[in-house]
Amino acid sequence: MNTPSRPRLKSITSTTSGQSAAPQPVDQTAAGEPKGAARKGVRTACSSDPHGDDGRRPVAWLHIVAPRGAVPTATSRCMCGRDRSAIGKPRVLALIEDHAAHRDVCPLRRSQEGRAAA
C-alpha cells in the first residue's frame, strides 16, 4: 500500500557557516556630558527625616464609614488587642464614645503617663 507523499509545509533555509559581528557604535561623548559622571553616583534621599521623629506611634484606630443614604459602620482597633465593630447609627455613635473612653484605660497608653500631651 503506497501512501501519497505529502508536500513539505516548511522550507528549511541553509545557514551560513561564517560568523559576522554586528556593527558597533563609535565611542563618543555626548555634547555637554561631564566625563566620569557615572562614577560619581547620585546622592540619595536617605538623610534624616525632614518631619522629625518624636517617638510617637499610632496605637488605636477608629474607622468610620457613613455614606449618604446608607447604613453607617465603624471599627475600633487597638494594639492592646481590642477589636470592636458596629453597624447602624446608634451603635456607631456608642462605639465612638467607647473608643474615646478606651484611651483612659488602655494598658499601652498608661505607660506614657509621664509624657507631655500633644
PDB file of N, CA and C in Angstrom:
ATOM      1  N   MET A   1       0.824  -1.140   0.000  1.00  0.00           N
ATOM      2  CA  MET A   1       0.000   0.000   0.000  1.00  0.00           C
ATOM      3  C   MET A   1       0.897   1.240   0.000  1.00  0.00           C
ATOM      4  N   ASN A   2       0.738   2.029  -0.981  1.00  0.00           N
ATOM      5  CA  ASN A   2       1.546   3.240  -1.115  1.00  0.00           C
ATOM      6  C   ASN A   2       0.726   4.441  -0.669  1.00  0.00           C
ATOM      7  N   THR A   3       1.336   5.237   0.176  1.00  0.00           N
ATOM      8  CA  THR A   3       0.676   6.474   0.582  1.00  0.00           C
ATOM      9  C   THR A   3       1.272   7.611  -0.222  1.00  0.00           C
ATOM     10  N   PRO A   4       0.437   8.503  -0.676  1.00  0.00           N
ATOM     11  CA  PRO A   4       0.986   9.603  -1.458  1.00  0.00           C
ATOM     12  C   PRO A   4       1.855  10.487  -0.568  1.00  0.00           C
ATOM     13  N   SER A   5       2.937  10.968  -1.087  1.00  0.00           N
ATOM     14  CA  SER A   5       3.836  11.821  -0.299  1.00  0.00           C
ATOM     15  C   SER A   5       3.205  13.198  -0.098  1.00  0.00           C
ATOM     16  N   ARG A   6       3.331  13.684   1.090  1.00  0.00           N
ATOM     17  CA  ARG A   6       2.770  14.984   1.425  1.00  0.00           C
ATOM     18  C   ARG A   6       3.789  16.074   1.095  1.00  0.00           C
ATOM     19  N   PRO A   7       3.318  17.219   0.664  1.00  0.00           N
ATOM     20  CA  PRO A   7       4.253  18.311   0.413  1.00  0.00           C
ATOM     21  C   PRO A   7       4.787  18.845   1.737  1.00  0.00           C
ATOM     22  N   ARG A   8       5.987  19.331   1.722  1.00  0.00           N
ATOM     23  CA  ARG A   8       6.595  19.886   2.927  1.00  0.00           C
ATOM     24  C   ARG A   8       5.910  21.214   3.265  1.00  0.00           C
ATOM     25  N   LEU A   9       5.588  21.391   4.534  1.00  0.00           N
ATOM     26  CA  LEU A   9       4.897  22.597   4.951  1.00  0.00           C
ATOM     27  C   LEU A   9       5.862  23.759   5.182  1.00  0.00           C
ATOM     28  N   LYS A  10       7.042  23.463   5.650  1.00  0.00           N
ATOM     29  CA  LYS A  10       8.028  24.499   5.919  1.00  0.00           C
ATOM     30  C   LYS A  10       9.279  24.198   5.117  1.00  0.00           C
ATOM     31  N   SER A  11       9.866  25.248   4.657  1.00  0.00           N
ATOM     32  CA  SER A  11      11.124  25.050   3.947  1.00  0.00           C
ATOM     33  C   SER A  11      12.269  25.317   4.900  1.00  0.00           C
ATOM     34  N   ILE A  12      13.273  24.551   4.824  1.00  0.00           N
ATOM     35  CA  ILE A  12      14.443  24.712   5.669  1.00  0.00           C
ATOM     36  C   ILE A  12      15.452  25.538   4.890  1.00  0.00           C
ATOM     37  N   THR A  13      15.842  26.670   5.508  1.00  0.00           N
ATOM     38  CA  THR A  13      16.824  27.513   4.842  1.00  0.00           C
ATOM     39  C   THR A  13      18.208  27.096   5.271  1.00  0.00           C
ATOM     40  N   SER A  14      19.128  27.280   4.436  1.00  0.00           N
ATOM     41  CA  SER A  14      20.502  26.906   4.769  1.00  0.00           C
ATOM     42  C   SER A  14      21.110  27.981   5.652  1.00  0.00           C
ATOM     43  N   THR A  15      21.935  27.583   6.599  1.00  0.00           N
ATOM     44  CA  THR A  15      22.588  28.520   7.500  1.00  0.00           C
ATOM     45  C   THR A  15      23.983  28.811   6.987  1.00  0.00           C
ATOM     46  N   THR A  16      24.443  30.022   7.303  1.00  0.00           N
ATOM     47  CA  THR A  16      25.791  30.371   6.884  1.00  0.00           C
ATOM     48  C   THR A  16      26.773  29.835   7.887  1.00  0.00           C
ATOM     49  N   SER A  17      27.922  29.452   7.431  1.00  0.00           N
ATOM     50  CA  SER A  17      28.917  28.878   8.320  1.00  0.00           C
ATOM     51  C   SER A  17      29.787  29.952   8.961  1.00  0.00           C
ATOM     52  N   GLY A  18      29.891  31.118   8.356  1.00  0.00           N
ATOM     53  CA  GLY A  18      30.738  32.170   8.898  1.00  0.00           C
ATOM     54  C   GLY A  18      29.994  33.022   9.913  1.00  0.00           C
ATOM     55  N   GLN A  19      30.723  33.537  10.880  1.00  0.00           N
ATOM     56  CA  GLN A  19      30.123  34.405  11.886  1.00  0.00           C
ATOM     57  C   GLN A  19      30.467  35.839  11.555  1.00  0.00           C
ATOM     58  N   SER A  20      29.497  36.724  11.703  1.00  0.00           N
ATOM     59  CA  SER A  20      29.761  38.136  11.469  1.00  0.00           C
ATOM     60  C   SER A  20      29.223  38.923  12.655  1.00  0.00           C
ATOM     61  N   ALA A  21      29.977  39.905  13.087  1.00  0.00           N
ATOM     62  CA  ALA A  21      29.586  40.714  14.239  1.00  0.00           C
ATOM     63  C   ALA A  21      28.734  41.882  13.777  1.00  0.00           C
ATOM     64  N   ALA A  22      27.845  42.278  14.623  1.00  0.00           N
ATOM     65  CA  ALA A  22      27.018  43.438  14.321  1.00  0.00           C
ATOM     66  C   ALA A  22      27.883  44.689  14.412  1.00  0.00           C
ATOM     67  N   PRO A  23      27.577  45.702  13.628  1.00  0.00           N
ATOM     68  CA  PRO A  23      28.387  46.918  13.691  1.00  0.00           C
ATOM     69  C   PRO A  23      28.225  47.587  15.053  1.00  0.00           C
ATOM     70  N   GLN A  24      29.334  48.044  15.628  1.00  0.00           N
ATOM     71  CA  GLN A  24      29.355  48.656  16.944  1.00  0.00           C
ATOM     72  C   GLN A  24      29.414  50.166  16.811  1.00  0.00           C
ATOM     73  N   PRO A  25      28.723  50.906  17.700  1.00  0.00           N
ATOM     74  CA  PRO A  25      28.789  52.366  17.634  1.00  0.00           C
ATOM     75  C   PRO A  25      30.159  52.861  18.059  1.00  0.00           C
ATOM     76  N   VAL A  26      30.524  54.014  17.555  1.00  0.00           N
ATOM     77  CA  VAL A  26      31.802  54.619  17.896  1.00  0.00           C
ATOM     78  C   VAL A  26      31.661  55.280  19.265  1.00  0.00           C
ATOM     79  N   ASP A  27      32.636  55.072  20.143  1.00  0.00           N
ATOM     80  CA  ASP A  27      32.587  55.660  21.477  1.00  0.00           C
ATOM     81  C   ASP A  27      32.881  57.145  21.396  1.00  0.00           C
ATOM     82  N   GLN A  28      31.838  57.956  21.542  1.00  0.00           N
ATOM     83  CA  GLN A  28      31.989  59.393  21.559  1.00  0.00           C
ATOM     84  C   GLN A  28      31.170  59.939  22.721  1.00  0.00           C
ATOM     85  N   THR A  29      31.687  60.951  23.352  1.00  0.00           N
ATOM     86  CA  THR A  29      30.988  61.573  24.457  1.00  0.00           C
ATOM     87  C   THR A  29      29.947  62.538  23.905  1.00  0.00           C
ATOM     88  N   ALA A  30      28.761  62.520  24.470  1.00  0.00           N
ATOM     89  CA  ALA A  30      27.718  63.440  24.029  1.00  0.00           C
ATOM     90  C   ALA A  30      28.103  64.853  24.427  1.00  0.00           C
ATOM     91  N   ALA A  31      27.617  65.802  23.703  1.00  0.00           N
ATOM     92  CA  ALA A  31      27.943  67.199  23.980  1.00  0.00           C
ATOM     93  C   ALA A  31      27.385  67.600  25.336  1.00  0.00           C
ATOM     94  N   GLY A  32      28.221  68.189  26.158  1.00  0.00           N
ATOM     95  CA  GLY A  32      27.785  68.673  27.454  1.00  0.00           C
ATOM     96  C   GLY A  32      27.807  67.631  28.554  1.00  0.00           C
ATOM     97  N   GLU A  33      28.112  66.386  28.257  1.00  0.00           N
ATOM     98  CA  GLU A  33      28.130  65.336  29.272  1.00  0.00           C
ATOM     99  C   GLU A  33      29.471  65.360  29.995  1.00  0.00           C
ATOM    100  N   PRO A  34      29.478  65.487  31.319  1.00  0.00           N
ATOM    101  CA  PRO A  34      30.745  65.506  32.029  1.00  0.00           C
ATOM    102  C   PRO A  34      31.389  64.130  32.041  1.00  0.00           C
ATOM    103  N   LYS A  35      32.707  64.108  31.966  1.00  0.00           N
ATOM    104  CA  LYS A  35      33.425  62.835  31.982  1.00  0.00           C
ATOM    105  C   LYS A  35      33.343  62.229  33.373  1.00  0.00           C
ATOM    106  N   GLY A  36      33.145  60.927  33.434  1.00  0.00           N
ATOM    107  CA  GLY A  36      33.122  60.221  34.710  1.00  0.00           C
ATOM    108  C   GLY A  36      31.864  60.453  35.519  1.00  0.00           C
ATOM    109  N   ALA A  37      30.782  60.882  34.889  1.00  0.00           N
ATOM    110  CA  ALA A  37      29.559  61.178  35.634  1.00  0.00           C
ATOM    111  C   ALA A  37      28.975  59.926  36.272  1.00  0.00           C
ATOM    112  N   ALA A  38      29.108  58.798  35.612  1.00  0.00           N
ATOM    113  CA  ALA A  38      28.526  57.572  36.156  1.00  0.00           C
ATOM    114  C   ALA A  38      29.279  57.114  37.395  1.00  0.00           C
ATOM    115  N   ARG A  39      30.546  57.442  37.489  1.00  0.00           N
ATOM    116  CA  ARG A  39      31.331  57.007  38.639  1.00  0.00           C
ATOM    117  C   ARG A  39      31.057  57.851  39.872  1.00  0.00           C
ATOM    118  N   LYS A  40      30.560  59.045  39.697  1.00  0.00           N
ATOM    119  CA  LYS A  40      30.320  59.922  40.835  1.00  0.00           C
ATOM    120  C   LYS A  40      29.063  59.526  41.604  1.00  0.00           C
ATOM    121  N   GLY A  41      28.089  58.930  40.935  1.00  0.00           N
ATOM    122  CA  GLY A  41      26.882  58.479  41.606  1.00  0.00           C
ATOM    123  C   GLY A  41      25.917  59.617  41.879  1.00  0.00           C
ATOM    124  N   VAL A  42      24.778  59.261  42.406  1.00  0.00           N
ATOM    125  CA  VAL A  42      23.731  60.225  42.700  1.00  0.00           C
ATOM    126  C   VAL A  42      23.485  60.207  44.192  1.00  0.00           C
ATOM    127  N   ARG A  43      23.346  61.377  44.770  1.00  0.00           N
ATOM    128  CA  ARG A  43      23.064  61.466  46.198  1.00  0.00           C
ATOM    129  C   ARG A  43      21.643  60.994  46.460  1.00  0.00           C
ATOM    130  N   THR A  44      21.467  60.101  47.409  1.00  0.00           N
ATOM    131  CA  THR A  44      20.142  59.562  47.694  1.00  0.00           C
ATOM    132  C   THR A  44      19.469  60.356  48.808  1.00  0.00           C
ATOM    133  N   ALA A  45      18.193  60.122  48.956  1.00  0.00           N
ATOM    134  CA  ALA A  45      17.405  60.830  49.959  1.00  0.00           C
ATOM    135  C   ALA A  45      17.301  60.021  51.237  1.00  0.00           C
ATOM    136  N   CYS A  46      18.373  59.408  51.673  1.00  0.00           N
ATOM    137  CA  CYS A  46      18.363  58.600  52.892  1.00  0.00           C
ATOM    138  C   CYS A  46      18.821  59.393  54.102  1.00  0.00           C
ATOM    139  N   SER A  47      18.797  60.690  53.995  1.00  0.00           N
ATOM    140  CA  SER A  47      19.226  61.501  55.117  1.00  0.00           C
ATOM    141  C   SER A  47      18.128  61.524  56.179  1.00  0.00           C
ATOM    142  N   SER A  48      18.268  62.389  57.152  1.00  0.00           N
ATOM    143  CA  SER A  48      17.312  62.418  58.256  1.00  0.00           C
ATOM    144  C   SER A  48      15.914  62.787  57.765  1.00  0.00           C
ATOM    145  N   ASP A  49      14.932  62.369  58.527  1.00  0.00           N
ATOM    146  CA  ASP A  49      13.535  62.632  58.196  1.00  0.00           C
ATOM    147  C   ASP A  49      13.259  64.123  58.345  1.00  0.00           C
ATOM    148  N   PRO A  50      12.755  64.793  57.293  1.00  0.00           N
ATOM    149  CA  PRO A  50      12.523  66.235  57.398  1.00  0.00           C
ATOM    150  C   PRO A  50      11.416  66.594  58.387  1.00  0.00           C
ATOM    151  N   HIS A  51      10.536  65.649  58.713  1.00  0.00           N
ATOM    152  CA  HIS A  51       9.439  65.919  59.636  1.00  0.00           C
ATOM    153  C   HIS A  51       9.830  65.601  61.075  1.00  0.00           C
ATOM    154  N   GLY A  52      10.953  64.942  61.255  1.00  0.00           N
ATOM    155  CA  GLY A  52      11.398  64.593  62.596  1.00  0.00           C
ATOM    156  C   GLY A  52      10.698  63.357  63.122  1.00  0.00           C
ATOM    157  N   ASP A  53      11.269  62.749  64.131  1.00  0.00           N
ATOM    158  CA  ASP A  53      10.691  61.561  64.747  1.00  0.00           C
ATOM    159  C   ASP A  53      10.662  61.805  66.244  1.00  0.00           C
ATOM    160  N   ASP A  54       9.476  62.060  66.747  1.00  0.00           N
ATOM    161  CA  ASP A  54       9.366  62.335  68.175  1.00  0.00           C
ATOM    162  C   ASP A  54       9.050  61.094  68.982  1.00  0.00           C
ATOM    163  N   GLY A  55       9.072  59.919  68.341  1.00  0.00           N
ATOM    164  CA  GLY A  55       8.859  58.670  69.061  1.00  0.00           C
ATOM    165  C   GLY A  55       7.413  58.241  69.165  1.00  0.00           C
ATOM    166  N   ARG A  56       6.471  59.071  68.736  1.00  0.00           N
ATOM    167  CA  ARG A  56       5.066  58.692  68.833  1.00  0.00           C
ATOM    168  C   ARG A  56       4.702  57.724  67.720  1.00  0.00           C
ATOM    169  N   ARG A  57       3.867  56.757  68.033  1.00  0.00           N
ATOM    170  CA  ARG A  57       3.382  55.780  67.073  1.00  0.00           C
ATOM    171  C   ARG A  57       1.884  55.596  67.271  1.00  0.00           C
ATOM    172  N   PRO A  58       1.120  55.335  66.199  1.00  0.00           N
ATOM    173  CA  PRO A  58      -0.311  55.085  66.377  1.00  0.00           C
ATOM    174  C   PRO A  58      -0.543  53.815  67.188  1.00  0.00           C
ATOM    175  N   VAL A  59      -1.478  53.874  68.114  1.00  0.00           N
ATOM    176  CA  VAL A  59      -1.792  52.733  68.974  1.00  0.00           C
ATOM    177  C   VAL A  59      -3.213  52.252  68.713  1.00  0.00           C
ATOM    178  N   ALA A  60      -4.138  53.181  68.504  1.00  0.00           N
ATOM    179  CA  ALA A  60      -5.540  52.817  68.305  1.00  0.00           C
ATOM    180  C   ALA A  60      -6.081  53.506  67.058  1.00  0.00           C
ATOM    181  N   TRP A  61      -6.996  52.818  66.375  1.00  0.00           N
ATOM    182  CA  TRP A  61      -7.592  53.341  65.145  1.00  0.00           C
ATOM    183  C   TRP A  61      -9.109  53.254  65.235  1.00  0.00           C
ATOM    184  N   LEU A  62      -9.760  54.289  64.766  1.00  0.00           N
ATOM    185  CA  LEU A  62     -11.215  54.321  64.674  1.00  0.00           C
ATOM    186  C   LEU A  62     -11.553  54.601  63.217  1.00  0.00           C
ATOM    187  N   HIS A  63     -12.183  53.635  62.554  1.00  0.00           N
ATOM    188  CA  HIS A  63     -12.508  53.756  61.136  1.00  0.00           C
ATOM    189  C   HIS A  63     -14.027  53.819  61.004  1.00  0.00           C
ATOM    190  N   ILE A  64     -14.529  54.934  60.461  1.00  0.00           N
ATOM    191  CA  ILE A  64     -15.971  55.141  60.320  1.00  0.00           C
ATOM    192  C   ILE A  64     -16.305  55.305  58.849  1.00  0.00           C
ATOM    193  N   VAL A  65     -17.317  54.560  58.382  1.00  0.00           N
ATOM    194  CA  VAL A  65     -17.804  54.683  57.018  1.00  0.00           C
ATOM    195  C   VAL A  65     -19.285  55.038  57.109  1.00  0.00           C
ATOM    196  N   ALA A  66     -19.634  56.216  56.585  1.00  0.00           N
ATOM    197  CA  ALA A  66     -21.018  56.679  56.653  1.00  0.00           C
ATOM    198  C   ALA A  66     -21.420  57.302  55.324  1.00  0.00           C
ATOM    199  N   PRO A  67     -21.653  56.470  54.306  1.00  0.00           N
ATOM    200  CA  PRO A  67     -22.074  57.030  53.020  1.00  0.00           C
ATOM    201  C   PRO A  67     -23.477  57.623  53.124  1.00  0.00           C
ATOM    202  N   ARG A  68     -23.713  58.635  52.336  1.00  0.00           N
ATOM    203  CA  ARG A  68     -25.019  59.317  52.366  1.00  0.00           C
ATOM    204  C   ARG A  68     -26.121  58.340  51.925  1.00  0.00           C
ATOM    205  N   GLY A  69     -27.138  58.198  52.753  1.00  0.00           N
ATOM    206  CA  GLY A  69     -28.268  57.348  52.419  1.00  0.00           C
ATOM    207  C   GLY A  69     -28.035  55.864  52.682  1.00  0.00           C
ATOM    208  N   ALA A  70     -26.921  55.496  53.302  1.00  0.00           N
ATOM    209  CA  ALA A  70     -26.643  54.082  53.579  1.00  0.00           C
ATOM    210  C   ALA A  70     -26.427  53.899  55.085  1.00  0.00           C
ATOM    211  N   VAL A  71     -26.325  52.656  55.510  1.00  0.00           N
ATOM    212  CA  VAL A  71     -26.143  52.335  56.921  1.00  0.00           C
ATOM    213  C   VAL A  71     -24.677  52.578  57.300  1.00  0.00           C
ATOM    214  N   PRO A  72     -24.404  53.394  58.330  1.00  0.00           N
ATOM    215  CA  PRO A  72     -23.017  53.639  58.730  1.00  0.00           C
ATOM    216  C   PRO A  72     -22.424  52.434  59.462  1.00  0.00           C
ATOM    217  N   THR A  73     -21.112  52.262  59.319  1.00  0.00           N
ATOM    218  CA  THR A  73     -20.379  51.210  60.023  1.00  0.00           C
ATOM    219  C   THR A  73     -19.137  51.824  60.640  1.00  0.00           C
ATOM    220  N   ALA A  74     -18.623  51.187  61.686  1.00  0.00           N
ATOM    221  CA  ALA A  74     -17.411  51.668  62.342  1.00  0.00           C
ATOM    222  C   ALA A  74     -16.635  50.495  62.907  1.00  0.00           C
ATOM    223  N   THR A  75     -15.331  50.656  62.965  1.00  0.00           N
ATOM    224  CA  THR A  75     -14.445  49.649  63.542  1.00  0.00           C
ATOM    225  C   THR A  75     -13.466  50.354  64.458  1.00  0.00           C
ATOM    226  N   SER A  76     -13.287  49.820  65.651  1.00  0.00           N
ATOM    227  CA  SER A  76     -12.340  50.366  66.623  1.00  0.00           C
ATOM    228  C   SER A  76     -11.319  49.282  66.934  1.00  0.00           C
ATOM    229  N   ARG A  77     -10.047  49.573  66.662  1.00  0.00           N
ATOM    230  CA  ARG A  77      -8.978  48.597  66.908  1.00  0.00           C
ATOM    231  C   ARG A  77      -7.871  49.252  67.712  1.00  0.00           C
ATOM    232  N   CYS A  78      -7.245  48.450  68.557  1.00  0.00           N
ATOM    233  CA  CYS A  78      -6.140  48.927  69.373  1.00  0.00           C
ATOM    234  C   CYS A  78      -5.056  47.849  69.381  1.00  0.00           C
ATOM    235  N   MET A  79      -3.822  48.269  69.532  1.00  0.00           N
ATOM    236  CA  MET A  79      -2.723  47.301  69.549  1.00  0.00           C
ATOM    237  C   MET A  79      -2.717  46.452  70.812  1.00  0.00           C
ATOM    238  N   CYS A  80      -3.513  46.816  71.810  1.00  0.00           N
ATOM    239  CA  CYS A  80      -3.604  46.007  73.028  1.00  0.00           C
ATOM    240  C   CYS A  80      -4.461  44.761  72.807  1.00  0.00           C
ATOM    241  N   GLY A  81      -5.113  44.661  71.637  1.00  0.00           N
ATOM    242  CA  GLY A  81      -5.927  43.500  71.330  1.00  0.00           C
ATOM    243  C   GLY A  81      -7.400  43.812  71.187  1.00  0.00           C
ATOM    244  N   ARG A  82      -7.787  45.012  71.464  1.00  0.00           N
ATOM    245  CA  ARG A  82      -9.193  45.414  71.356  1.00  0.00           C
ATOM    246  C   ARG A  82      -9.578  45.514  69.889  1.00  0.00           C
ATOM    247  N   ASP A  83     -10.700  44.887  69.518  1.00  0.00           N
ATOM    248  CA  ASP A  83     -11.186  44.907  68.135  1.00  0.00           C
ATOM    249  C   ASP A  83     -12.708  44.836  68.180  1.00  0.00           C
ATOM    250  N   ARG A  84     -13.356  45.972  67.956  1.00  0.00           N
ATOM    251  CA  ARG A  84     -14.819  46.029  68.018  1.00  0.00           C
ATOM    252  C   ARG A  84     -15.361  46.699  66.769  1.00  0.00           C
ATOM    253  N   SER A  85     -16.596  46.350  66.420  1.00  0.00           N
ATOM    254  CA  SER A  85     -17.229  46.965  65.253  1.00  0.00           C
ATOM    255  C   SER A  85     -18.696  47.210  65.553  1.00  0.00           C
ATOM    256  N   ALA A  86     -19.296  48.122  64.776  1.00  0.00           N
ATOM    257  CA  ALA A  86     -20.698  48.476  64.973  1.00  0.00           C
ATOM    258  C   ALA A  86     -21.336  48.780  63.628  1.00  0.00           C
ATOM    259  N   ILE A  87     -22.634  48.448  63.525  1.00  0.00           N
ATOM    260  CA  ILE A  87     -23.407  48.723  62.312  1.00  0.00           C
ATOM    261  C   ILE A  87     -24.676  49.452  62.736  1.00  0.00           C
ATOM    262  N   GLY A  88     -24.975  50.547  62.039  1.00  0.00           N
ATOM    263  CA  GLY A  88     -26.155  51.347  62.368  1.00  0.00           C
ATOM    264  C   GLY A  88     -25.777  52.577  63.160  1.00  0.00           C
ATOM    265  N   LYS A  89     -26.517  53.654  62.966  1.00  0.00           N
ATOM    266  CA  LYS A  89     -26.176  54.940  63.565  1.00  0.00           C
ATOM    267  C   LYS A  89     -26.082  54.911  65.089  1.00  0.00           C
ATOM    268  N   PRO A  90     -27.060  54.332  65.819  1.00  0.00           N
ATOM    269  CA  PRO A  90     -26.953  54.347  67.284  1.00  0.00           C
ATOM    270  C   PRO A  90     -25.737  53.569  67.797  1.00  0.00           C
ATOM    271  N   ARG A  91     -25.470  52.433  67.187  1.00  0.00           N
ATOM    272  CA  ARG A  91     -24.340  51.618  67.634  1.00  0.00           C
ATOM    273  C   ARG A  91     -23.000  52.252  67.258  1.00  0.00           C
ATOM    274  N   VAL A  92     -22.941  52.908  66.101  1.00  0.00           N
ATOM    275  CA  VAL A  92     -21.704  53.584  65.690  1.00  0.00           C
ATOM    276  C   VAL A  92     -21.406  54.731  66.649  1.00  0.00           C
ATOM    277  N   LEU A  93     -22.436  55.507  67.020  1.00  0.00           N
ATOM    278  CA  LEU A  93     -22.229  56.606  67.966  1.00  0.00           C
ATOM    279  C   LEU A  93     -21.758  56.078  69.321  1.00  0.00           C
ATOM    280  N   ALA A  94     -22.301  54.939  69.750  1.00  0.00           N
ATOM    281  CA  ALA A  94     -21.871  54.337  71.018  1.00  0.00           C
ATOM    282  C   ALA A  94     -20.423  53.846  70.925  1.00  0.00           C
ATOM    283  N   LEU A  95     -20.041  53.306  69.770  1.00  0.00           N
ATOM    284  CA  LEU A  95     -18.664  52.822  69.596  1.00  0.00           C
ATOM    285  C   LEU A  95     -17.675  53.985  69.592  1.00  0.00           C
ATOM    286  N   ILE A  96     -18.080  55.119  69.046  1.00  0.00           N
ATOM    287  CA  ILE A  96     -17.209  56.298  69.055  1.00  0.00           C
ATOM    288  C   ILE A  96     -16.938  56.736  70.495  1.00  0.00           C
ATOM    289  N   GLU A  97     -17.966  56.754  71.324  1.00  0.00           N
ATOM    290  CA  GLU A  97     -17.793  57.118  72.734  1.00  0.00           C
ATOM    291  C   GLU A  97     -16.940  56.079  73.461  1.00  0.00           C
ATOM    292  N   ASP A  98     -17.174  54.803  73.158  1.00  0.00           N
ATOM    293  CA  ASP A  98     -16.402  53.731  73.784  1.00  0.00           C
ATOM    294  C   ASP A  98     -14.926  53.812  73.382  1.00  0.00           C
ATOM    295  N   HIS A  99     -14.669  54.153  72.133  1.00  0.00           N
ATOM    296  CA  HIS A  99     -13.284  54.286  71.651  1.00  0.00           C
ATOM    297  C   HIS A  99     -12.572  55.424  72.385  1.00  0.00           C
ATOM    298  N   ALA A 100     -13.283  56.533  72.585  1.00  0.00           N
ATOM    299  CA  ALA A 100     -12.700  57.663  73.316  1.00  0.00           C
ATOM    300  C   ALA A 100     -12.442  57.294  74.773  1.00  0.00           C
ATOM    301  N   ALA A 101     -13.354  56.532  75.386  1.00  0.00           N
ATOM    302  CA  ALA A 101     -13.174  56.120  76.780  1.00  0.00           C
ATOM    303  C   ALA A 101     -12.037  55.104  76.914  1.00  0.00           C
ATOM    304  N   HIS A 102     -11.769  54.334  75.868  1.00  0.00           N
ATOM    305  CA  HIS A 102     -10.700  53.333  75.913  1.00  0.00           C
ATOM    306  C   HIS A 102      -9.326  53.981  76.059  1.00  0.00           C
ATOM    307  N   ARG A 103      -9.184  55.213  75.625  1.00  0.00           N
ATOM    308  CA  ARG A 103      -7.902  55.908  75.753  1.00  0.00           C
ATOM    309  C   ARG A 103      -7.434  55.969  77.208  1.00  0.00           C
ATOM    310  N   ASP A 104      -8.379  56.120  78.142  1.00  0.00           N
ATOM    311  CA  ASP A 104      -8.023  56.250  79.554  1.00  0.00           C
ATOM    312  C   ASP A 104      -7.678  54.918  80.206  1.00  0.00           C
ATOM    313  N   VAL A 105      -8.169  53.813  79.655  1.00  0.00           N
ATOM    314  CA  VAL A 105      -7.945  52.512  80.298  1.00  0.00           C
ATOM    315  C   VAL A 105      -6.999  51.604  79.527  1.00  0.00           C
ATOM    316  N   CYS A 106      -6.540  52.015  78.379  1.00  0.00           N
ATOM    317  CA  CYS A 106      -5.666  51.165  77.558  1.00  0.00           C
ATOM    318  C   CYS A 106      -4.317  50.977  78.251  1.00  0.00           C
ATOM    319  N   PRO A 107      -3.861  49.722  78.404  1.00  0.00           N
ATOM    320  CA  PRO A 107      -2.568  49.491  79.068  1.00  0.00           C
ATOM    321  C   PRO A 107      -1.382  50.029  78.264  1.00  0.00           C
ATOM    322  N   LEU A 108      -1.527  50.147  76.960  1.00  0.00           N
ATOM    323  CA  LEU A 108      -0.421  50.673  76.157  1.00  0.00           C
ATOM    324  C   LEU A 108      -0.268  52.182  76.324  1.00  0.00           C
ATOM    325  N   ARG A 109      -1.341  52.871  76.602  1.00  0.00           N
ATOM    326  CA  ARG A 109      -1.274  54.323  76.792  1.00  0.00           C
ATOM    327  C   ARG A 109      -0.927  54.692  78.226  1.00  0.00           C
ATOM    328  N   ARG A 110      -1.162  53.811  79.171  1.00  0.00           N
ATOM    329  CA  ARG A 110      -0.841  54.099  80.571  1.00  0.00           C
ATOM    330  C   ARG A 110       0.666  54.237  80.771  1.00  0.00           C
ATOM    331  N   SER A 111       1.459  53.551  79.965  1.00  0.00           N
ATOM    332  CA  SER A 111       2.916  53.629  80.131  1.00  0.00           C
ATOM    333  C   SER A 111       3.442  54.978  79.671  1.00  0.00           C
ATOM    334  N   GLN A 112       2.607  55.797  79.035  1.00  0.00           N
ATOM    335  CA  GLN A 112       3.033  57.092  78.529  1.00  0.00           C
ATOM    336  C   GLN A 112       2.510  58.234  79.409  1.00  0.00           C
ATOM    337  N   GLU A 113       2.155  57.944  80.659  1.00  0.00           N
ATOM    338  CA  GLU A 113       1.576  58.976  81.530  1.00  0.00           C
ATOM    339  C   GLU A 113       2.511  60.146  81.759  1.00  0.00           C
ATOM    340  N   GLY A 114       3.791  59.899  81.833  1.00  0.00           N
ATOM    341  CA  GLY A 114       4.736  60.968  82.100  1.00  0.00           C
ATOM    342  C   GLY A 114       5.036  61.848  80.912  1.00  0.00           C
ATOM    343  N   ARG A 115       4.600  61.470  79.743  1.00  0.00           N
ATOM    344  CA  ARG A 115       4.899  62.246  78.534  1.00  0.00           C
ATOM    345  C   ARG A 115       3.980  63.453  78.435  1.00  0.00           C
ATOM    346  N   ALA A 116       4.460  64.476  77.773  1.00  0.00           N
ATOM    347  CA  ALA A 116       3.644  65.678  77.570  1.00  0.00           C
ATOM    348  C   ALA A 116       2.574  65.397  76.534  1.00  0.00           C
ATOM    349  N   ALA A 117       1.428  66.030  76.684  1.00  0.00           N
ATOM    350  CA  ALA A 117       0.328  65.836  75.741  1.00  0.00           C
ATOM    351  C   ALA A 117       0.669  66.540  74.437  1.00  0.00           C
ATOM    352  N   ALA A 118       0.191  65.959  73.350  1.00  0.00           N
ATOM    353  CA  ALA A 118       0.491  66.539  72.027  1.00  0.00           C
ATOM    354  C   ALA A 118      -0.407  67.694  71.715  1.00  0.00           C
TER     355      ALA A 118
END
